[in-house]
Amino acid sequence: MASAVQNCDVTKHLDETWLHYMMSAATEAKWQRNQYVPTVEEYMTEALTSYGMGPIILTSLYFVQKKLLKHILNDPEYSELLRLMGTCGRLLNDTQGFERESRDGKLNIISLLVLQIPCP
């Protein structure tokens, strides 16, 4: 349907975006399965993608904006906007879900930061 709205095949771009999202989610699942505690930097790299802003925003843009020009999607500002939205969304999600995720044995940014506090 998005290809019809855009009047060109956008399947490959959507597939790549969803694949990137699924690979990040798989990395987080692997960490949990192996009880691996990532660094804050490792966590945030995957968490920004696994939050899912890329697939959500891209799919929406394809339906809202007729003839979404490729140069817009390839522009560094688009990537930076997704990164910033993903950061804000992930941090808000982690803050709100901290207690539940802790009960489930899942790490998030709050628990990682607590683990990095040096013991006196």
Protein backbone atom coordinates (compact mmCIF):
# COMPACT_ATOMS: atom_id res chain seq x y z
CA MET A 1 0.00 0.00 0.00
CA ALA A 2 2.87 2.39 0.81
CA SER A 3 4.38 1.69 -2.60
CA ALA A 4 1.09 2.72 -4.22
CA VAL A 5 1.01 5.97 -2.25
CA GLN A 6 4.66 6.71 -3.10
CA ASN A 7 4.23 5.59 -6.70
CA CYS A 8 7.43 3.53 -6.40
CA ASP A 9 8.53 0.35 -4.63
CA VAL A 10 9.44 1.13 -1.01
CA THR A 11 9.45 -2.50 0.11
CA LYS A 12 13.24 -2.81 0.28
CA HIS A 13 13.58 0.29 2.47
CA LEU A 14 10.82 -0.88 4.81
CA ASP A 15 12.35 -4.37 4.96
CA GLU A 16 15.76 -2.94 5.86
CA THR A 17 14.26 -0.76 8.58
CA TRP A 18 12.34 -3.67 10.12
CA LEU A 19 15.38 -5.96 9.84
CA HIS A 20 17.53 -3.42 11.69
CA TYR A 21 14.86 -3.23 14.42
CA MET A 22 14.61 -7.03 14.74
CA MET A 23 18.39 -7.44 14.89
CA SER A 24 18.56 -5.00 17.82
CA ALA A 25 15.71 -6.76 19.59
CA ALA A 26 17.51 -10.09 19.03
CA THR A 27 20.72 -8.66 20.51
CA GLU A 28 18.83 -7.58 23.63
CA ALA A 29 17.20 -11.02 23.88
CA LYS A 30 20.62 -12.66 23.57
CA TRP A 31 21.98 -10.46 26.35
CA GLN A 32 19.11 -11.48 28.62
CA ARG A 33 19.41 -15.17 27.74
CA ASN A 34 23.18 -15.14 28.41
CA GLN A 35 22.79 -12.87 31.45
CA TYR A 36 25.20 -10.44 29.81
CA VAL A 37 25.34 -6.96 31.33
CA PRO A 38 26.13 -4.49 28.52
CA THR A 39 27.83 -1.18 29.03
CA VAL A 40 25.60 1.88 28.95
CA GLU A 41 26.97 2.67 25.49
CA GLU A 42 26.24 -0.85 24.19
CA TYR A 43 22.76 -0.75 25.69
CA MET A 44 21.87 2.64 24.23
CA THR A 45 23.16 1.68 20.77
CA GLU A 46 20.73 -1.23 20.63
CA ALA A 47 17.98 0.39 22.70
CA LEU A 48 17.59 3.32 20.31
CA THR A 49 16.79 0.92 17.49
CA SER A 50 14.83 -1.65 19.50
CA TYR A 51 12.49 1.10 20.70
CA GLY A 52 11.04 0.93 17.19
CA MET A 53 10.91 4.56 16.09
CA GLY A 54 12.42 3.75 12.69
CA PRO A 55 9.69 1.39 11.51
CA ILE A 56 6.93 3.48 13.09
CA ILE A 57 8.03 6.82 11.67
CA LEU A 58 9.06 5.52 8.26
CA THR A 59 5.85 3.60 7.69
CA SER A 60 3.81 6.63 8.77
CA LEU A 61 5.79 8.98 6.54
CA TYR A 62 5.19 6.80 3.51
CA PHE A 63 1.44 7.14 4.04
CA VAL A 64 1.31 10.81 5.09
CA GLN A 65 3.73 12.33 2.60
CA LYS A 66 3.01 11.68 -1.04
CA LYS A 67 6.17 11.34 -3.06
CA LEU A 68 8.56 11.25 -0.11
CA LEU A 69 11.78 12.11 -1.85
CA LYS A 70 14.73 9.78 -1.32
CA HIS A 71 17.04 12.65 -0.48
CA ILE A 72 14.91 13.34 2.60
CA LEU A 73 15.35 9.80 3.91
CA ASN A 74 19.07 9.85 3.11
CA ASP A 75 19.63 13.21 4.77
CA PRO A 76 21.73 13.10 7.97
CA GLU A 77 19.10 15.27 9.65
CA TYR A 78 16.52 12.49 9.21
CA SER A 79 18.88 9.98 10.87
CA GLU A 80 19.65 12.41 13.67
CA LEU A 81 15.95 13.11 14.23
CA LEU A 82 15.26 9.37 14.50
CA ARG A 83 18.20 8.99 16.91
CA LEU A 84 16.96 11.81 19.14
CA MET A 85 13.36 10.59 19.11
CA GLY A 86 14.54 7.06 19.87
CA THR A 87 16.70 8.33 22.74
CA CYS A 88 13.89 10.32 24.31
CA GLY A 89 11.38 7.53 23.83
CA ARG A 90 13.68 4.82 25.16
CA LEU A 91 14.70 6.84 28.24
CA LEU A 92 11.07 7.64 29.03
CA ASN A 93 10.08 4.00 28.51
CA ASP A 94 12.93 2.75 30.70
CA THR A 95 12.09 5.24 33.45
CA GLN A 96 8.41 4.28 33.48
CA GLY A 97 9.03 0.54 33.16
CA PHE A 98 11.91 0.24 35.62
CA GLU A 99 10.00 -1.53 38.43
CA ARG A 100 8.24 -3.97 36.12
CA GLU A 101 11.38 -4.76 34.15
CA SER A 102 13.36 -5.24 37.36
CA ARG A 103 10.80 -7.80 38.56
CA ASP A 104 11.13 -9.58 35.20
CA GLY A 105 14.93 -9.62 35.44
CA LYS A 106 15.39 -7.27 32.51
CA LEU A 107 18.04 -4.59 32.37
CA ASN A 108 17.32 -1.06 31.31
CA ILE A 109 19.22 2.22 31.46
CA ILE A 110 18.25 2.83 35.10
CA SER A 111 19.52 -0.54 36.33
CA LEU A 112 22.69 -0.21 34.25
CA LEU A 113 23.44 3.20 35.72
CA VAL A 114 22.80 1.89 39.25
CA LEU A 115 25.22 -0.98 38.59
CA GLN A 116 27.91 1.53 37.61
CA ILE A 117 27.72 3.48 40.86
CA PRO A 118 30.95 2.73 42.69
CA CYS A 119 30.57 1.10 46.10
CA PRO A 120 32.23 3.00 48.95
